[in-house]
């Protein structure tokens, strides 16, 4: 038991991502973000805002605007998706 055996501690798992061919790059990235739980941040942001007001904490305005824009759901575009597209020179 005191001996390190790689076969017992590590495994290779291949990954095959299947995407919907009819979706645009923007839609694919937005869908992926929603699947990974980005949308739940909106509720947490509301709770954070409430607690900050109770504690008389004033967040940095630039960061506050960015977080609200990034957490907004139901819009055609998303700040995070646009950023990923621009960084990858797809936009």
PDB file of N, CA and C in Angstrom:
ATOM      1  N   UNK A   1       0.802  -1.199   0.000  1.00  0.00           N
ATOM      2  CA  UNK A   1       0.000   0.000   0.000  1.00  0.00           C
ATOM      3  C   UNK A   1       0.849   1.270   0.000  1.00  0.00           C
ATOM      4  N   UNK A   2       2.049   1.221   0.461  1.00  0.00           N
ATOM      5  CA  UNK A   2       2.895   2.407   0.517  1.00  0.00           C
ATOM      6  C   UNK A   2       3.570   2.714  -0.816  1.00  0.00           C
ATOM      7  N   UNK A   3       3.340   1.902  -1.806  1.00  0.00           N
ATOM      8  CA  UNK A   3       3.994   2.067  -3.100  1.00  0.00           C
ATOM      9  C   UNK A   3       3.078   2.828  -4.062  1.00  0.00           C
ATOM     10  N   UNK A   4       3.664   3.762  -4.826  1.00  0.00           N
ATOM     11  CA  UNK A   4       2.902   4.541  -5.802  1.00  0.00           C
ATOM     12  C   UNK A   4       2.745   3.731  -7.080  1.00  0.00           C
ATOM     13  N   UNK A   5       1.510   3.479  -7.483  1.00  0.00           N
ATOM     14  CA  UNK A   5       1.227   2.731  -8.701  1.00  0.00           C
ATOM     15  C   UNK A   5       0.384   3.632  -9.605  1.00  0.00           C
ATOM     16  N   UNK A   6       0.995   4.185 -10.692  1.00  0.00           N
ATOM     17  CA  UNK A   6       0.259   5.123 -11.551  1.00  0.00           C
ATOM     18  C   UNK A   6      -1.056   4.582 -12.093  1.00  0.00           C
ATOM     19  N   UNK A   7      -1.106   3.319 -12.451  1.00  0.00           N
ATOM     20  CA  UNK A   7      -2.346   2.760 -13.017  1.00  0.00           C
ATOM     21  C   UNK A   7      -3.503   2.783 -12.028  1.00  0.00           C
ATOM     22  N   UNK A   8      -3.185   2.797 -10.762  1.00  0.00           N
ATOM     23  CA  UNK A   8      -4.247   2.820  -9.755  1.00  0.00           C
ATOM     24  C   UNK A   8      -4.629   4.240  -9.337  1.00  0.00           C
ATOM     25  N   UNK A   9      -3.831   5.212  -9.711  1.00  0.00           N
ATOM     26  CA  UNK A   9      -4.096   6.580  -9.270  1.00  0.00           C
ATOM     27  C   UNK A   9      -4.459   7.540 -10.393  1.00  0.00           C
ATOM     28  N   UNK A  10      -4.287   7.138 -11.630  1.00  0.00           N
ATOM     29  CA  UNK A  10      -4.570   8.034 -12.750  1.00  0.00           C
ATOM     30  C   UNK A  10      -5.260   7.276 -13.874  1.00  0.00           C
ATOM     31  N   UNK A  11      -6.040   8.003 -14.641  1.00  0.00           N
ATOM     32  CA  UNK A  11      -6.724   7.399 -15.780  1.00  0.00           C
ATOM     33  C   UNK A  11      -6.855   8.435 -16.880  1.00  0.00           C
ATOM     34  N   UNK A  12      -6.875   7.987 -18.104  1.00  0.00           N
ATOM     35  CA  UNK A  12      -7.089   8.869 -19.246  1.00  0.00           C
ATOM     36  C   UNK A  12      -8.538   8.723 -19.679  1.00  0.00           C
ATOM     37  N   UNK A  13      -9.210   9.844 -19.766  1.00  0.00           N
ATOM     38  CA  UNK A  13     -10.595   9.844 -20.223  1.00  0.00           C
ATOM     39  C   UNK A  13     -10.655  10.759 -21.436  1.00  0.00           C
ATOM     40  N   UNK A  14     -11.003  10.195 -22.567  1.00  0.00           N
ATOM     41  CA  UNK A  14     -11.073  11.012 -23.778  1.00  0.00           C
ATOM     42  C   UNK A  14     -12.289  11.928 -23.714  1.00  0.00           C
ATOM     43  N   UNK A  15     -12.217  13.009 -24.446  1.00  0.00           N
ATOM     44  CA  UNK A  15     -13.315  13.962 -24.462  1.00  0.00           C
ATOM     45  C   UNK A  15     -13.773  14.165 -25.893  1.00  0.00           C
ATOM     46  N   UNK A  16     -15.062  14.043 -26.087  1.00  0.00           N
ATOM     47  CA  UNK A  16     -15.631  14.277 -27.409  1.00  0.00           C
ATOM     48  C   UNK A  16     -16.758  15.286 -27.245  1.00  0.00           C
ATOM     49  N   UNK A  17     -16.503  16.508 -27.668  1.00  0.00           N
ATOM     50  CA  UNK A  17     -17.517  17.549 -27.574  1.00  0.00           C
ATOM     51  C   UNK A  17     -18.373  17.530 -28.824  1.00  0.00           C
ATOM     52  N   UNK A  18     -19.645  17.399 -28.634  1.00  0.00           N
ATOM     53  CA  UNK A  18     -20.537  17.475 -29.792  1.00  0.00           C
ATOM     54  C   UNK A  18     -21.308  18.784 -29.700  1.00  0.00           C
ATOM     55  N   UNK A  19     -21.319  19.499 -30.780  1.00  0.00           N
ATOM     56  CA  UNK A  19     -21.980  20.794 -30.827  1.00  0.00           C
ATOM     57  C   UNK A  19     -23.097  20.754 -31.861  1.00  0.00           C
ATOM     58  N   UNK A  20     -24.042  21.629 -31.697  1.00  0.00           N
ATOM     59  CA  UNK A  20     -25.136  21.735 -32.650  1.00  0.00           C
ATOM     60  C   UNK A  20     -24.640  22.563 -33.826  1.00  0.00           C
ATOM     61  N   UNK A  21     -24.579  21.974 -34.992  1.00  0.00           N
ATOM     62  CA  UNK A  21     -24.015  22.629 -36.162  1.00  0.00           C
ATOM     63  C   UNK A  21     -24.755  23.865 -36.616  1.00  0.00           C
ATOM     64  N   UNK A  22     -26.019  23.998 -36.244  1.00  0.00           N
ATOM     65  CA  UNK A  22     -26.806  25.151 -36.675  1.00  0.00           C
ATOM     66  C   UNK A  22     -26.564  26.380 -35.808  1.00  0.00           C
ATOM     67  N   UNK A  23     -25.887  26.213 -34.683  1.00  0.00           N
ATOM     68  CA  UNK A  23     -25.651  27.345 -33.784  1.00  0.00           C
ATOM     69  C   UNK A  23     -24.426  28.140 -34.234  1.00  0.00           C
ATOM     70  N   UNK A  24     -24.489  29.457 -34.041  1.00  0.00           N
ATOM     71  CA  UNK A  24     -23.331  30.297 -34.338  1.00  0.00           C
ATOM     72  C   UNK A  24     -22.304  30.125 -33.224  1.00  0.00           C
ATOM     73  N   UNK A  25     -21.116  30.662 -33.431  1.00  0.00           N
ATOM     74  CA  UNK A  25     -20.088  30.593 -32.387  1.00  0.00           C
ATOM     75  C   UNK A  25     -20.584  31.294 -31.135  1.00  0.00           C
ATOM     76  N   UNK A  26     -21.202  32.458 -31.309  1.00  0.00           N
ATOM     77  CA  UNK A  26     -21.725  33.207 -30.164  1.00  0.00           C
ATOM     78  C   UNK A  26     -22.763  32.376 -29.402  1.00  0.00           C
ATOM     79  N   UNK A  27     -23.691  31.761 -30.121  1.00  0.00           N
ATOM     80  CA  UNK A  27     -24.727  30.952 -29.477  1.00  0.00           C
ATOM     81  C   UNK A  27     -24.124  29.737 -28.782  1.00  0.00           C
ATOM     82  N   UNK A  28     -23.120  29.118 -29.399  1.00  0.00           N
ATOM     83  CA  UNK A  28     -22.473  27.955 -28.791  1.00  0.00           C
ATOM     84  C   UNK A  28     -21.788  28.335 -27.491  1.00  0.00           C
ATOM     85  N   UNK A  29     -21.054  29.458 -27.483  1.00  0.00           N
ATOM     86  CA  UNK A  29     -20.372  29.889 -26.262  1.00  0.00           C
ATOM     87  C   UNK A  29     -21.370  30.295 -25.182  1.00  0.00           C
ATOM     88  N   UNK A  30     -22.438  30.977 -25.568  1.00  0.00           N
ATOM     89  CA  UNK A  30     -23.458  31.368 -24.595  1.00  0.00           C
ATOM     90  C   UNK A  30     -24.152  30.135 -24.015  1.00  0.00           C
ATOM     91  N   UNK A  31     -24.450  29.154 -24.865  1.00  0.00           N
ATOM     92  CA  UNK A  31     -25.070  27.911 -24.404  1.00  0.00           C
ATOM     93  C   UNK A  31     -24.142  27.179 -23.442  1.00  0.00           C
ATOM     94  N   UNK A  32     -22.866  27.106 -23.787  1.00  0.00           N
ATOM     95  CA  UNK A  32     -21.882  26.450 -22.926  1.00  0.00           C
ATOM     96  C   UNK A  32     -21.793  27.146 -21.575  1.00  0.00           C
ATOM     97  N   UNK A  33     -21.803  28.464 -21.581  1.00  0.00           N
ATOM     98  CA  UNK A  33     -21.742  29.218 -20.328  1.00  0.00           C
ATOM     99  C   UNK A  33     -22.964  28.934 -19.464  1.00  0.00           C
ATOM    100  N   UNK A  34     -24.149  28.891 -20.074  1.00  0.00           N
ATOM    101  CA  UNK A  34     -25.365  28.594 -19.309  1.00  0.00           C
ATOM    102  C   UNK A  34     -25.323  27.184 -18.740  1.00  0.00           C
ATOM    103  N   UNK A  35     -24.795  26.233 -19.507  1.00  0.00           N
ATOM    104  CA  UNK A  35     -24.707  24.848 -19.032  1.00  0.00           C
ATOM    105  C   UNK A  35     -23.754  24.720 -17.851  1.00  0.00           C
ATOM    106  N   UNK A  36     -22.770  25.602 -17.797  1.00  0.00           N
ATOM    107  CA  UNK A  36     -21.790  25.550 -16.723  1.00  0.00           C
ATOM    108  C   UNK A  36     -22.227  26.347 -15.499  1.00  0.00           C
ATOM    109  N   UNK A  37     -23.417  26.870 -15.515  1.00  0.00           N
ATOM    110  CA  UNK A  37     -23.961  27.500 -14.323  1.00  0.00           C
ATOM    111  C   UNK A  37     -23.784  29.000 -14.216  1.00  0.00           C
ATOM    112  N   UNK A  38     -23.499  29.685 -15.288  1.00  0.00           N
ATOM    113  CA  UNK A  38     -23.303  31.128 -15.227  1.00  0.00           C
ATOM    114  C   UNK A  38     -24.577  31.834 -14.783  1.00  0.00           C
ATOM    115  N   UNK A  39     -25.724  31.352 -15.201  1.00  0.00           N
ATOM    116  CA  UNK A  39     -26.983  32.016 -14.896  1.00  0.00           C
ATOM    117  C   UNK A  39     -27.299  32.117 -13.421  1.00  0.00           C
ATOM    118  N   UNK A  40     -26.835  31.208 -12.614  1.00  0.00           N
ATOM    119  CA  UNK A  40     -27.128  31.240 -11.182  1.00  0.00           C
ATOM    120  C   UNK A  40     -26.450  32.412 -10.490  1.00  0.00           C
ATOM    121  N   UNK A  41     -25.475  33.021 -11.125  1.00  0.00           N
ATOM    122  CA  UNK A  41     -24.772  34.143 -10.505  1.00  0.00           C
ATOM    123  C   UNK A  41     -25.672  35.359 -10.342  1.00  0.00           C
ATOM    124  N   UNK A  42     -26.706  35.452 -11.131  1.00  0.00           N
ATOM    125  CA  UNK A  42     -27.587  36.613 -11.034  1.00  0.00           C
ATOM    126  C   UNK A  42     -28.251  36.664  -9.661  1.00  0.00           C
ATOM    127  N   UNK A  43     -28.727  35.531  -9.167  1.00  0.00           N
ATOM    128  CA  UNK A  43     -29.339  35.480  -7.840  1.00  0.00           C
ATOM    129  C   UNK A  43     -28.314  35.786  -6.755  1.00  0.00           C
ATOM    130  N   UNK A  44     -27.114  35.237  -6.903  1.00  0.00           N
ATOM    131  CA  UNK A  44     -26.060  35.498  -5.922  1.00  0.00           C
ATOM    132  C   UNK A  44     -25.683  36.977  -5.923  1.00  0.00           C
ATOM    133  N   UNK A  45     -25.700  37.604  -7.093  1.00  0.00           N
ATOM    134  CA  UNK A  45     -25.374  39.022  -7.202  1.00  0.00           C
ATOM    135  C   UNK A  45     -26.395  39.867  -6.445  1.00  0.00           C
ATOM    136  N   UNK A  46     -27.650  39.503  -6.531  1.00  0.00           N
ATOM    137  CA  UNK A  46     -28.688  40.213  -5.780  1.00  0.00           C
ATOM    138  C   UNK A  46     -28.485  40.096  -4.282  1.00  0.00           C
ATOM    139  N   UNK A  47     -28.149  38.900  -3.824  1.00  0.00           N
ATOM    140  CA  UNK A  47     -27.883  38.677  -2.399  1.00  0.00           C
ATOM    141  C   UNK A  47     -26.651  39.458  -1.952  1.00  0.00           C
ATOM    142  N   UNK A  48     -25.616  39.457  -2.776  1.00  0.00           N
ATOM    143  CA  UNK A  48     -24.399  40.209  -2.462  1.00  0.00           C
ATOM    144  C   UNK A  48     -24.701  41.700  -2.357  1.00  0.00           C
ATOM    145  N   UNK A  49     -25.482  42.207  -3.282  1.00  0.00           N
ATOM    146  CA  UNK A  49     -25.854  43.623  -3.270  1.00  0.00           C
ATOM    147  C   UNK A  49     -26.612  43.977  -1.993  1.00  0.00           C
ATOM    148  N   UNK A  50     -27.527  43.119  -1.596  1.00  0.00           N
ATOM    149  CA  UNK A  50     -28.298  43.354  -0.373  1.00  0.00           C
ATOM    150  C   UNK A  50     -27.383  43.395   0.847  1.00  0.00           C
ATOM    151  N   UNK A  51     -26.454  42.433   0.935  1.00  0.00           N
ATOM    152  CA  UNK A  51     -25.536  42.384   2.078  1.00  0.00           C
ATOM    153  C   UNK A  51     -24.575  43.571   2.093  1.00  0.00           C
ATOM    154  N   UNK A  52     -24.150  44.002   0.913  1.00  0.00           N
ATOM    155  CA  UNK A  52     -23.265  45.172   0.846  1.00  0.00           C
ATOM    156  C   UNK A  52     -23.985  46.419   1.353  1.00  0.00           C
ATOM    157  N   UNK A  53     -25.260  46.562   0.992  1.00  0.00           N
ATOM    158  CA  UNK A  53     -26.027  47.719   1.466  1.00  0.00           C
ATOM    159  C   UNK A  53     -26.181  47.681   2.980  1.00  0.00           C
ATOM    160  N   UNK A  54     -26.442  46.490   3.531  1.00  0.00           N
ATOM    161  CA  UNK A  54     -26.581  46.347   4.981  1.00  0.00           C
ATOM    162  C   UNK A  54     -25.288  46.713   5.700  1.00  0.00           C
ATOM    163  N   UNK A  55     -24.142  46.334   5.116  1.00  0.00           N
ATOM    164  CA  UNK A  55     -22.839  46.594   5.735  1.00  0.00           C
ATOM    165  C   UNK A  55     -22.261  47.951   5.324  1.00  0.00           C
ATOM    166  N   UNK A  56     -23.034  48.738   4.562  1.00  0.00           N
ATOM    167  CA  UNK A  56     -22.600  50.045   4.069  1.00  0.00           C
ATOM    168  C   UNK A  56     -21.293  49.959   3.265  1.00  0.00           C
ATOM    169  N   UNK A  57     -21.191  48.938   2.427  1.00  0.00           N
ATOM    170  CA  UNK A  57     -20.032  48.747   1.551  1.00  0.00           C
ATOM    171  C   UNK A  57     -20.399  49.276   0.175  1.00  0.00           C
ATOM    172  N   UNK A  58     -19.530  50.102  -0.375  1.00  0.00           N
ATOM    173  CA  UNK A  58     -19.762  50.649  -1.713  1.00  0.00           C
ATOM    174  C   UNK A  58     -18.754  50.019  -2.676  1.00  0.00           C
ATOM    175  N   UNK A  59     -19.207  49.122  -3.552  1.00  0.00           N
ATOM    176  CA  UNK A  59     -18.284  48.458  -4.482  1.00  0.00           C
ATOM    177  C   UNK A  59     -17.752  49.427  -5.533  1.00  0.00           C
ATOM    178  N   UNK A  60     -16.620  49.075  -6.119  1.00  0.00           N
ATOM    179  CA  UNK A  60     -16.044  49.862  -7.207  1.00  0.00           C
ATOM    180  C   UNK A  60     -17.066  49.923  -8.340  1.00  0.00           C
ATOM    181  N   UNK A  61     -17.417  51.116  -8.829  1.00  0.00           N
ATOM    182  CA  UNK A  61     -18.463  51.240  -9.858  1.00  0.00           C
ATOM    183  C   UNK A  61     -18.160  50.470 -11.141  1.00  0.00           C
ATOM    184  N   UNK A  62     -16.902  50.471 -11.573  1.00  0.00           N
ATOM    185  CA  UNK A  62     -16.554  49.760 -12.806  1.00  0.00           C
ATOM    186  C   UNK A  62     -16.760  48.258 -12.664  1.00  0.00           C
ATOM    187  N   UNK A  63     -16.321  47.710 -11.539  1.00  0.00           N
ATOM    188  CA  UNK A  63     -16.480  46.271 -11.303  1.00  0.00           C
ATOM    189  C   UNK A  63     -17.956  45.930 -11.137  1.00  0.00           C
ATOM    190  N   UNK A  64     -18.691  46.787 -10.459  1.00  0.00           N
ATOM    191  CA  UNK A  64     -20.120  46.552 -10.253  1.00  0.00           C
ATOM    192  C   UNK A  64     -20.872  46.491 -11.579  1.00  0.00           C
ATOM    193  N   UNK A  65     -20.601  47.436 -12.474  1.00  0.00           N
ATOM    194  CA  UNK A  65     -21.257  47.446 -13.789  1.00  0.00           C
ATOM    195  C   UNK A  65     -20.887  46.197 -14.579  1.00  0.00           C
ATOM    196  N   UNK A  66     -19.603  45.817 -14.544  1.00  0.00           N
ATOM    197  CA  UNK A  66     -19.158  44.625 -15.274  1.00  0.00           C
ATOM    198  C   UNK A  66     -19.862  43.373 -14.754  1.00  0.00           C
ATOM    199  N   UNK A  67     -19.926  43.209 -13.438  1.00  0.00           N
ATOM    200  CA  UNK A  67     -20.562  42.019 -12.862  1.00  0.00           C
ATOM    201  C   UNK A  67     -22.049  41.963 -13.216  1.00  0.00           C
ATOM    202  N   UNK A  68     -22.720  43.092 -13.204  1.00  0.00           N
ATOM    203  CA  UNK A  68     -24.139  43.101 -13.569  1.00  0.00           C
ATOM    204  C   UNK A  68     -24.330  42.763 -15.042  1.00  0.00           C
ATOM    205  N   UNK A  69     -23.468  43.277 -15.885  1.00  0.00           N
ATOM    206  CA  UNK A  69     -23.568  42.985 -17.317  1.00  0.00           C
ATOM    207  C   UNK A  69     -23.265  41.523 -17.595  1.00  0.00           C
ATOM    208  N   UNK A  70     -22.293  40.962 -16.894  1.00  0.00           N
ATOM    209  CA  UNK A  70     -21.899  39.570 -17.120  1.00  0.00           C
ATOM    210  C   UNK A  70     -22.943  38.596 -16.595  1.00  0.00           C
ATOM    211  N   UNK A  71     -23.719  38.995 -15.601  1.00  0.00           N
ATOM    212  CA  UNK A  71     -24.690  38.091 -14.990  1.00  0.00           C
ATOM    213  C   UNK A  71     -26.075  38.182 -15.608  1.00  0.00           C
ATOM    214  N   UNK A  72     -26.297  39.088 -16.524  1.00  0.00           N
ATOM    215  CA  UNK A  72     -27.613  39.288 -17.127  1.00  0.00           C
ATOM    216  C   UNK A  72     -27.965  38.139 -18.061  1.00  0.00           C
ATOM    217  N   UNK A  73     -29.146  37.606 -17.887  1.00  0.00           N
ATOM    218  CA  UNK A  73     -29.616  36.516 -18.738  1.00  0.00           C
ATOM    219  C   UNK A  73     -30.680  37.019 -19.699  1.00  0.00           C
ATOM    220  N   UNK A  74     -30.947  36.232 -20.736  1.00  0.00           N
ATOM    221  CA  UNK A  74     -32.043  36.507 -21.636  1.00  0.00           C
ATOM    222  C   UNK A  74     -31.762  37.556 -22.683  1.00  0.00           C
ATOM    223  N   UNK A  75     -30.517  37.921 -22.851  1.00  0.00           N
ATOM    224  CA  UNK A  75     -30.181  38.890 -23.879  1.00  0.00           C
ATOM    225  C   UNK A  75     -29.569  38.169 -25.066  1.00  0.00           C
ATOM    226  N   UNK A  76     -29.632  38.820 -26.211  1.00  0.00           N
ATOM    227  CA  UNK A  76     -29.094  38.210 -27.428  1.00  0.00           C
ATOM    228  C   UNK A  76     -27.583  38.032 -27.336  1.00  0.00           C
ATOM    229  N   UNK A  77     -26.908  38.999 -26.720  1.00  0.00           N
ATOM    230  CA  UNK A  77     -25.459  38.911 -26.562  1.00  0.00           C
ATOM    231  C   UNK A  77     -25.109  38.953 -25.088  1.00  0.00           C
ATOM    232  N   UNK A  78     -23.908  38.559 -24.773  1.00  0.00           N
ATOM    233  CA  UNK A  78     -23.437  38.487 -23.406  1.00  0.00           C
ATOM    234  C   UNK A  78     -22.039  39.080 -23.374  1.00  0.00           C
ATOM    235  N   UNK A  79     -21.702  39.827 -22.342  1.00  0.00           N
ATOM    236  CA  UNK A  79     -20.388  40.461 -22.241  1.00  0.00           C
ATOM    237  C   UNK A  79     -19.274  39.423 -22.291  1.00  0.00           C
ATOM    238  N   UNK A  80     -19.435  38.332 -21.571  1.00  0.00           N
ATOM    239  CA  UNK A  80     -18.408  37.291 -21.534  1.00  0.00           C
ATOM    240  C   UNK A  80     -18.257  36.650 -22.907  1.00  0.00           C
ATOM    241  N   UNK A  81     -19.361  36.330 -23.548  1.00  0.00           N
ATOM    242  CA  UNK A  81     -19.304  35.716 -24.878  1.00  0.00           C
ATOM    243  C   UNK A  81     -18.621  36.645 -25.872  1.00  0.00           C
ATOM    244  N   UNK A  82     -18.981  37.925 -25.849  1.00  0.00           N
ATOM    245  CA  UNK A  82     -18.340  38.891 -26.747  1.00  0.00           C
ATOM    246  C   UNK A  82     -16.840  38.967 -26.497  1.00  0.00           C
ATOM    247  N   UNK A  83     -16.452  38.942 -25.226  1.00  0.00           N
ATOM    248  CA  UNK A  83     -15.030  39.007 -24.891  1.00  0.00           C
ATOM    249  C   UNK A  83     -14.286  37.786 -25.426  1.00  0.00           C
ATOM    250  N   UNK A  84     -14.846  36.594 -25.228  1.00  0.00           N
ATOM    251  CA  UNK A  84     -14.209  35.367 -25.720  1.00  0.00           C
ATOM    252  C   UNK A  84     -14.068  35.411 -27.239  1.00  0.00           C
ATOM    253  N   UNK A  85     -15.096  35.881 -27.918  1.00  0.00           N
ATOM    254  CA  UNK A  85     -15.029  35.984 -29.377  1.00  0.00           C
ATOM    255  C   UNK A  85     -13.939  36.955 -29.819  1.00  0.00           C
ATOM    256  N   UNK A  86     -13.827  38.085 -29.151  1.00  0.00           N
ATOM    257  CA  UNK A  86     -12.816  39.077 -29.522  1.00  0.00           C
ATOM    258  C   UNK A  86     -11.409  38.576 -29.229  1.00  0.00           C
ATOM    259  N   UNK A  87     -11.221  37.931 -28.090  1.00  0.00           N
ATOM    260  CA  UNK A  87      -9.899  37.406 -27.736  1.00  0.00           C
ATOM    261  C   UNK A  87      -9.464  36.350 -28.737  1.00  0.00           C
ATOM    262  N   UNK A  88     -10.384  35.535 -29.180  1.00  0.00           N
ATOM    263  CA  UNK A  88     -10.062  34.475 -30.136  1.00  0.00           C
ATOM    264  C   UNK A  88     -10.158  34.942 -31.587  1.00  0.00           C
ATOM    265  N   UNK A  89     -10.345  36.223 -31.793  1.00  0.00           N
ATOM    266  CA  UNK A  89     -10.430  36.847 -33.114  1.00  0.00           C
ATOM    267  C   UNK A  89     -11.496  36.166 -33.978  1.00  0.00           C
ATOM    268  N   UNK A  90     -12.640  35.915 -33.389  1.00  0.00           N
ATOM    269  CA  UNK A  90     -13.748  35.296 -34.107  1.00  0.00           C
ATOM    270  C   UNK A  90     -14.860  36.301 -34.362  1.00  0.00           C
ATOM    271  N   UNK A  91     -14.691  37.496 -33.881  1.00  0.00           N
ATOM    272  CA  UNK A  91     -15.767  38.489 -33.947  1.00  0.00           C
ATOM    273  C   UNK A  91     -15.363  39.629 -34.832  1.00  0.00           C
TER     274      UNK A  91
END
